[in-house]
């Protein structure tokens, strides 16, 4: 095997490894995106309750 053949085979191997890595990265990205889409907005942010009129009056009079 000549030196150029060996270098070419190494380059081919490197390219195939790059392709494998890129596919793995894309698959990981898709998994993260799917997981993020499954999360509901309510799980991330608390939604304040609506206060009744009496609760508002109580807060005004007594403070928090």
PDB file of N, CA and C in Angstrom:
ATOM      1  N   UNK A   1       0.847  -1.172   0.000  1.00  0.00           N
ATOM      2  CA  UNK A   1       0.000   0.000   0.000  1.00  0.00           C
ATOM      3  C   UNK A   1       0.896   1.239   0.000  1.00  0.00           C
ATOM      4  N   UNK A   2       0.632   2.115  -0.907  1.00  0.00           N
ATOM      5  CA  UNK A   2       1.463   3.314  -0.989  1.00  0.00           C
ATOM      6  C   UNK A   2       1.007   4.340   0.037  1.00  0.00           C
ATOM      7  N   UNK A   3       1.844   5.321   0.209  1.00  0.00           N
ATOM      8  CA  UNK A   3       1.566   6.349   1.204  1.00  0.00           C
ATOM      9  C   UNK A   3       0.317   7.152   0.841  1.00  0.00           C
ATOM     10  N   UNK A   4       0.124   7.436  -0.442  1.00  0.00           N
ATOM     11  CA  UNK A   4      -1.055   8.207  -0.854  1.00  0.00           C
ATOM     12  C   UNK A   4      -2.327   7.393  -0.636  1.00  0.00           C
ATOM     13  N   UNK A   5      -2.259   6.071  -0.865  1.00  0.00           N
ATOM     14  CA  UNK A   5      -3.430   5.235  -0.611  1.00  0.00           C
ATOM     15  C   UNK A   5      -3.765   5.227   0.877  1.00  0.00           C
ATOM     16  N   UNK A   6      -2.766   5.133   1.671  1.00  0.00           N
ATOM     17  CA  UNK A   6      -2.971   5.137   3.130  1.00  0.00           C
ATOM     18  C   UNK A   6      -3.571   6.473   3.574  1.00  0.00           C
ATOM     19  N   UNK A   7      -3.023   7.564   3.050  1.00  0.00           N
ATOM     20  CA  UNK A   7      -3.558   8.892   3.397  1.00  0.00           C
ATOM     21  C   UNK A   7      -5.004   9.033   2.941  1.00  0.00           C
ATOM     22  N   UNK A   8      -5.295   8.515   1.762  1.00  0.00           N
ATOM     23  CA  UNK A   8      -6.659   8.598   1.247  1.00  0.00           C
ATOM     24  C   UNK A   8      -7.620   7.780   2.114  1.00  0.00           C
ATOM     25  N   UNK A   9      -7.195   6.624   2.543  1.00  0.00           N
ATOM     26  CA  UNK A   9      -8.061   5.805   3.400  1.00  0.00           C
ATOM     27  C   UNK A   9      -8.283   6.483   4.751  1.00  0.00           C
ATOM     28  N   UNK A  10      -7.252   7.138   5.261  1.00  0.00           N
ATOM     29  CA  UNK A  10      -7.411   7.870   6.522  1.00  0.00           C
ATOM     30  C   UNK A  10      -8.377   9.036   6.339  1.00  0.00           C
ATOM     31  N   UNK A  11      -8.264   9.731   5.223  1.00  0.00           N
ATOM     32  CA  UNK A  11      -9.188  10.843   4.947  1.00  0.00           C
ATOM     33  C   UNK A  11     -10.625  10.343   4.809  1.00  0.00           C
ATOM     34  N   UNK A  12     -10.788   9.219   4.144  1.00  0.00           N
ATOM     35  CA  UNK A  12     -12.127   8.636   4.001  1.00  0.00           C
ATOM     36  C   UNK A  12     -12.706   8.268   5.367  1.00  0.00           C
ATOM     37  N   UNK A  13     -11.868   7.674   6.193  1.00  0.00           N
ATOM     38  CA  UNK A  13     -12.315   7.312   7.538  1.00  0.00           C
ATOM     39  C   UNK A  13     -12.727   8.558   8.321  1.00  0.00           C
ATOM     40  N   UNK A  14     -11.915   9.616   8.211  1.00  0.00           N
ATOM     41  CA  UNK A  14     -12.209  10.855   8.919  1.00  0.00           C
ATOM     42  C   UNK A  14     -13.541  11.450   8.468  1.00  0.00           C
ATOM     43  N   UNK A  15     -13.774  11.453   7.175  1.00  0.00           N
ATOM     44  CA  UNK A  15     -15.034  11.981   6.645  1.00  0.00           C
ATOM     45  C   UNK A  15     -16.223  11.170   7.140  1.00  0.00           C
ATOM     46  N   UNK A  16     -16.074   9.864   7.165  1.00  0.00           N
ATOM     47  CA  UNK A  16     -17.186   9.037   7.639  1.00  0.00           C
ATOM     48  C   UNK A  16     -17.448   9.276   9.123  1.00  0.00           C
ATOM     49  N   UNK A  17     -16.402   9.487   9.898  1.00  0.00           N
ATOM     50  CA  UNK A  17     -16.581   9.789  11.325  1.00  0.00           C
ATOM     51  C   UNK A  17     -17.263  11.139  11.511  1.00  0.00           C
ATOM     52  N   UNK A  18     -16.907  12.107  10.679  1.00  0.00           N
ATOM     53  CA  UNK A  18     -17.564  13.422  10.747  1.00  0.00           C
ATOM     54  C   UNK A  18     -19.054  13.286  10.458  1.00  0.00           C
ATOM     55  N   UNK A  19     -19.394  12.496   9.456  1.00  0.00           N
ATOM     56  CA  UNK A  19     -20.803  12.282   9.114  1.00  0.00           C
ATOM     57  C   UNK A  19     -21.552  11.612  10.262  1.00  0.00           C
ATOM     58  N   UNK A  20     -20.933  10.626  10.879  1.00  0.00           N
ATOM     59  CA  UNK A  20     -21.553   9.959  12.022  1.00  0.00           C
ATOM     60  C   UNK A  20     -21.796  10.943  13.154  1.00  0.00           C
ATOM     61  N   UNK A  21     -20.798  11.771  13.430  1.00  0.00           N
ATOM     62  CA  UNK A  21     -20.928  12.754  14.500  1.00  0.00           C
ATOM     63  C   UNK A  21     -22.048  13.751  14.202  1.00  0.00           C
ATOM     64  N   UNK A  22     -22.117  14.207  12.964  1.00  0.00           N
ATOM     65  CA  UNK A  22     -23.167  15.154  12.585  1.00  0.00           C
ATOM     66  C   UNK A  22     -24.548  14.537  12.734  1.00  0.00           C
ATOM     67  N   UNK A  23     -24.691  13.269  12.334  1.00  0.00           N
ATOM     68  CA  UNK A  23     -25.981  12.594  12.494  1.00  0.00           C
ATOM     69  C   UNK A  23     -26.338  12.457  13.968  1.00  0.00           C
ATOM     70  N   UNK A  24     -25.367  12.130  14.779  1.00  0.00           N
ATOM     71  CA  UNK A  24     -25.613  11.988  16.210  1.00  0.00           C
ATOM     72  C   UNK A  24     -26.026  13.318  16.825  1.00  0.00           C
ATOM     73  N   UNK A  25     -25.370  14.388  16.416  1.00  0.00           N
ATOM     74  CA  UNK A  25     -25.712  15.731  16.917  1.00  0.00           C
ATOM     75  C   UNK A  25     -27.133  16.100  16.500  1.00  0.00           C
ATOM     76  N   UNK A  26     -27.496  15.834  15.266  1.00  0.00           N
ATOM     77  CA  UNK A  26     -28.841  16.158  14.790  1.00  0.00           C
ATOM     78  C   UNK A  26     -29.898  15.359  15.551  1.00  0.00           C
ATOM     79  N   UNK A  27     -29.617  14.083  15.805  1.00  0.00           N
ATOM     80  CA  UNK A  27     -30.560  13.262  16.566  1.00  0.00           C
ATOM     81  C   UNK A  27     -30.724  13.790  17.982  1.00  0.00           C
ATOM     82  N   UNK A  28     -29.631  14.200  18.592  1.00  0.00           N
ATOM     83  CA  UNK A  28     -29.692  14.750  19.941  1.00  0.00           C
ATOM     84  C   UNK A  28     -30.491  16.050  19.957  1.00  0.00           C
ATOM     85  N   UNK A  29     -30.273  16.893  18.966  1.00  0.00           N
ATOM     86  CA  UNK A  29     -31.032  18.143  18.861  1.00  0.00           C
ATOM     87  C   UNK A  29     -32.522  17.858  18.757  1.00  0.00           C
ATOM     88  N   UNK A  30     -32.891  16.892  17.920  1.00  0.00           N
ATOM     89  CA  UNK A  30     -34.308  16.552  17.748  1.00  0.00           C
ATOM     90  C   UNK A  30     -34.912  16.044  19.046  1.00  0.00           C
ATOM     91  N   UNK A  31     -34.146  15.243  19.795  1.00  0.00           N
ATOM     92  CA  UNK A  31     -34.653  14.737  21.078  1.00  0.00           C
ATOM     93  C   UNK A  31     -34.892  15.886  22.043  1.00  0.00           C
ATOM     94  N   UNK A  32     -33.948  16.834  22.111  1.00  0.00           N
ATOM     95  CA  UNK A  32     -34.113  17.986  23.004  1.00  0.00           C
ATOM     96  C   UNK A  32     -35.311  18.830  22.594  1.00  0.00           C
ATOM     97  N   UNK A  33     -35.481  19.038  21.307  1.00  0.00           N
ATOM     98  CA  UNK A  33     -36.612  19.829  20.816  1.00  0.00           C
ATOM     99  C   UNK A  33     -37.920  19.148  21.180  1.00  0.00           C
ATOM    100  N   UNK A  34     -37.992  17.826  20.998  1.00  0.00           N
ATOM    101  CA  UNK A  34     -39.208  17.097  21.355  1.00  0.00           C
ATOM    102  C   UNK A  34     -39.497  17.192  22.843  1.00  0.00           C
ATOM    103  N   UNK A  35     -38.463  17.086  23.669  1.00  0.00           N
ATOM    104  CA  UNK A  35     -38.651  17.190  25.115  1.00  0.00           C
ATOM    105  C   UNK A  35     -39.130  18.587  25.505  1.00  0.00           C
ATOM    106  N   UNK A  36     -38.566  19.618  24.878  1.00  0.00           N
ATOM    107  CA  UNK A  36     -38.990  20.984  25.184  1.00  0.00           C
ATOM    108  C   UNK A  36     -40.431  21.236  24.760  1.00  0.00           C
ATOM    109  N   UNK A  37     -40.835  20.656  23.658  1.00  0.00           N
ATOM    110  CA  UNK A  37     -42.216  20.846  23.193  1.00  0.00           C
ATOM    111  C   UNK A  37     -43.214  20.157  24.107  1.00  0.00           C
ATOM    112  N   UNK A  38     -42.800  19.115  24.794  1.00  0.00           N
ATOM    113  CA  UNK A  38     -43.701  18.395  25.693  1.00  0.00           C
ATOM    114  C   UNK A  38     -43.944  19.162  26.987  1.00  0.00           C
ATOM    115  N   UNK A  39     -43.055  20.089  27.338  1.00  0.00           N
ATOM    116  CA  UNK A  39     -43.198  20.843  28.581  1.00  0.00           C
ATOM    117  C   UNK A  39     -44.316  21.867  28.415  1.00  0.00           C
ATOM    118  N   UNK A  40     -45.189  21.889  29.389  1.00  0.00           N
ATOM    119  CA  UNK A  40     -46.300  22.844  29.339  1.00  0.00           C
ATOM    120  C   UNK A  40     -45.869  24.169  29.957  1.00  0.00           C
ATOM    121  N   UNK A  41     -46.459  25.225  29.464  1.00  0.00           N
ATOM    122  CA  UNK A  41     -46.124  26.561  29.947  1.00  0.00           C
ATOM    123  C   UNK A  41     -46.432  26.693  31.428  1.00  0.00           C
ATOM    124  N   UNK A  42     -47.482  26.022  31.882  1.00  0.00           N
ATOM    125  CA  UNK A  42     -47.866  26.110  33.283  1.00  0.00           C
ATOM    126  C   UNK A  42     -46.815  25.495  34.200  1.00  0.00           C
ATOM    127  N   UNK A  43     -46.055  24.536  33.688  1.00  0.00           N
ATOM    128  CA  UNK A  43     -45.021  23.911  34.496  1.00  0.00           C
ATOM    129  C   UNK A  43     -43.836  24.864  34.713  1.00  0.00           C
ATOM    130  N   UNK A  44     -43.604  25.758  33.776  1.00  0.00           N
ATOM    131  CA  UNK A  44     -42.477  26.680  33.871  1.00  0.00           C
ATOM    132  C   UNK A  44     -42.807  27.945  34.646  1.00  0.00           C
ATOM    133  N   UNK A  45     -44.013  28.452  34.457  1.00  0.00           N
ATOM    134  CA  UNK A  45     -44.393  29.717  35.057  1.00  0.00           C
ATOM    135  C   UNK A  45     -45.646  29.535  35.887  1.00  0.00           C
ATOM    136  N   UNK A  46     -45.633  30.091  37.083  1.00  0.00           N
ATOM    137  CA  UNK A  46     -46.829  30.030  37.909  1.00  0.00           C
ATOM    138  C   UNK A  46     -47.796  31.108  37.454  1.00  0.00           C
ATOM    139  N   UNK A  47     -49.038  30.728  37.323  1.00  0.00           N
ATOM    140  CA  UNK A  47     -50.071  31.665  36.892  1.00  0.00           C
ATOM    141  C   UNK A  47     -50.739  32.217  38.150  1.00  0.00           C
ATOM    142  N   UNK A  48     -50.715  33.541  38.325  1.00  0.00           N
ATOM    143  CA  UNK A  48     -51.324  34.102  39.540  1.00  0.00           C
ATOM    144  C   UNK A  48     -52.839  33.880  39.536  1.00  0.00           C
ATOM    145  N   UNK A  49     -53.368  33.605  40.740  1.00  0.00           N
ATOM    146  CA  UNK A  49     -54.811  33.419  40.870  1.00  0.00           C
ATOM    147  C   UNK A  49     -55.506  34.761  40.800  1.00  0.00           C
ATOM    148  N   UNK A  50     -56.740  34.730  40.342  1.00  0.00           N
ATOM    149  CA  UNK A  50     -57.563  35.940  40.353  1.00  0.00           C
ATOM    150  C   UNK A  50     -58.063  36.153  41.774  1.00  0.00           C
ATOM    151  N   UNK A  51     -57.912  37.367  42.265  1.00  0.00           N
ATOM    152  CA  UNK A  51     -58.373  37.677  43.608  1.00  0.00           C
ATOM    153  C   UNK A  51     -59.830  38.108  43.560  1.00  0.00           C
ATOM    154  N   UNK A  52     -60.581  37.699  44.592  1.00  0.00           N
ATOM    155  CA  UNK A  52     -61.968  38.137  44.691  1.00  0.00           C
ATOM    156  C   UNK A  52     -61.976  39.589  45.194  1.00  0.00           C
ATOM    157  N   UNK A  53     -63.122  40.197  45.103  1.00  0.00           N
ATOM    158  CA  UNK A  53     -63.265  41.576  45.558  1.00  0.00           C
ATOM    159  C   UNK A  53     -62.934  41.691  47.040  1.00  0.00           C
ATOM    160  N   UNK A  54     -63.391  40.742  47.831  1.00  0.00           N
ATOM    161  CA  UNK A  54     -63.139  40.788  49.274  1.00  0.00           C
ATOM    162  C   UNK A  54     -61.662  40.604  49.587  1.00  0.00           C
ATOM    163  N   UNK A  55     -60.987  39.778  48.819  1.00  0.00           N
ATOM    164  CA  UNK A  55     -59.547  39.592  49.031  1.00  0.00           C
ATOM    165  C   UNK A  55     -58.794  40.881  48.708  1.00  0.00           C
ATOM    166  N   UNK A  56     -59.221  41.565  47.657  1.00  0.00           N
ATOM    167  CA  UNK A  56     -58.586  42.836  47.293  1.00  0.00           C
ATOM    168  C   UNK A  56     -58.801  43.884  48.380  1.00  0.00           C
ATOM    169  N   UNK A  57     -60.025  43.928  48.918  1.00  0.00           N
ATOM    170  CA  UNK A  57     -60.351  44.886  49.989  1.00  0.00           C
ATOM    171  C   UNK A  57     -59.497  44.588  51.214  1.00  0.00           C
ATOM    172  N   UNK A  58     -59.375  43.290  51.564  1.00  0.00           N
ATOM    173  CA  UNK A  58     -58.584  42.881  52.719  1.00  0.00           C
ATOM    174  C   UNK A  58     -57.120  43.312  52.546  1.00  0.00           C
ATOM    175  N   UNK A  59     -56.569  43.131  51.328  1.00  0.00           N
ATOM    176  CA  UNK A  59     -55.199  43.546  51.062  1.00  0.00           C
ATOM    177  C   UNK A  59     -55.046  45.048  51.199  1.00  0.00           C
ATOM    178  N   UNK A  60     -56.048  45.802  50.705  1.00  0.00           N
ATOM    179  CA  UNK A  60     -55.994  47.261  50.815  1.00  0.00           C
ATOM    180  C   UNK A  60     -55.995  47.724  52.264  1.00  0.00           C
ATOM    181  N   UNK A  61     -56.810  47.061  53.074  1.00  0.00           N
ATOM    182  CA  UNK A  61     -56.959  47.484  54.470  1.00  0.00           C
ATOM    183  C   UNK A  61     -55.776  47.004  55.319  1.00  0.00           C
ATOM    184  N   UNK A  62     -55.450  45.715  55.200  1.00  0.00           N
ATOM    185  CA  UNK A  62     -54.436  45.119  56.076  1.00  0.00           C
ATOM    186  C   UNK A  62     -53.042  45.098  55.476  1.00  0.00           C
ATOM    187  N   UNK A  63     -52.939  45.344  54.223  1.00  0.00           N
ATOM    188  CA  UNK A  63     -51.656  45.168  53.540  1.00  0.00           C
ATOM    189  C   UNK A  63     -51.521  43.712  53.107  1.00  0.00           C
ATOM    190  N   UNK A  64     -50.339  43.296  52.769  1.00  0.00           N
ATOM    191  CA  UNK A  64     -50.152  41.909  52.333  1.00  0.00           C
ATOM    192  C   UNK A  64     -50.471  41.030  53.486  1.00  0.00           C
TER     193      UNK A  64
END
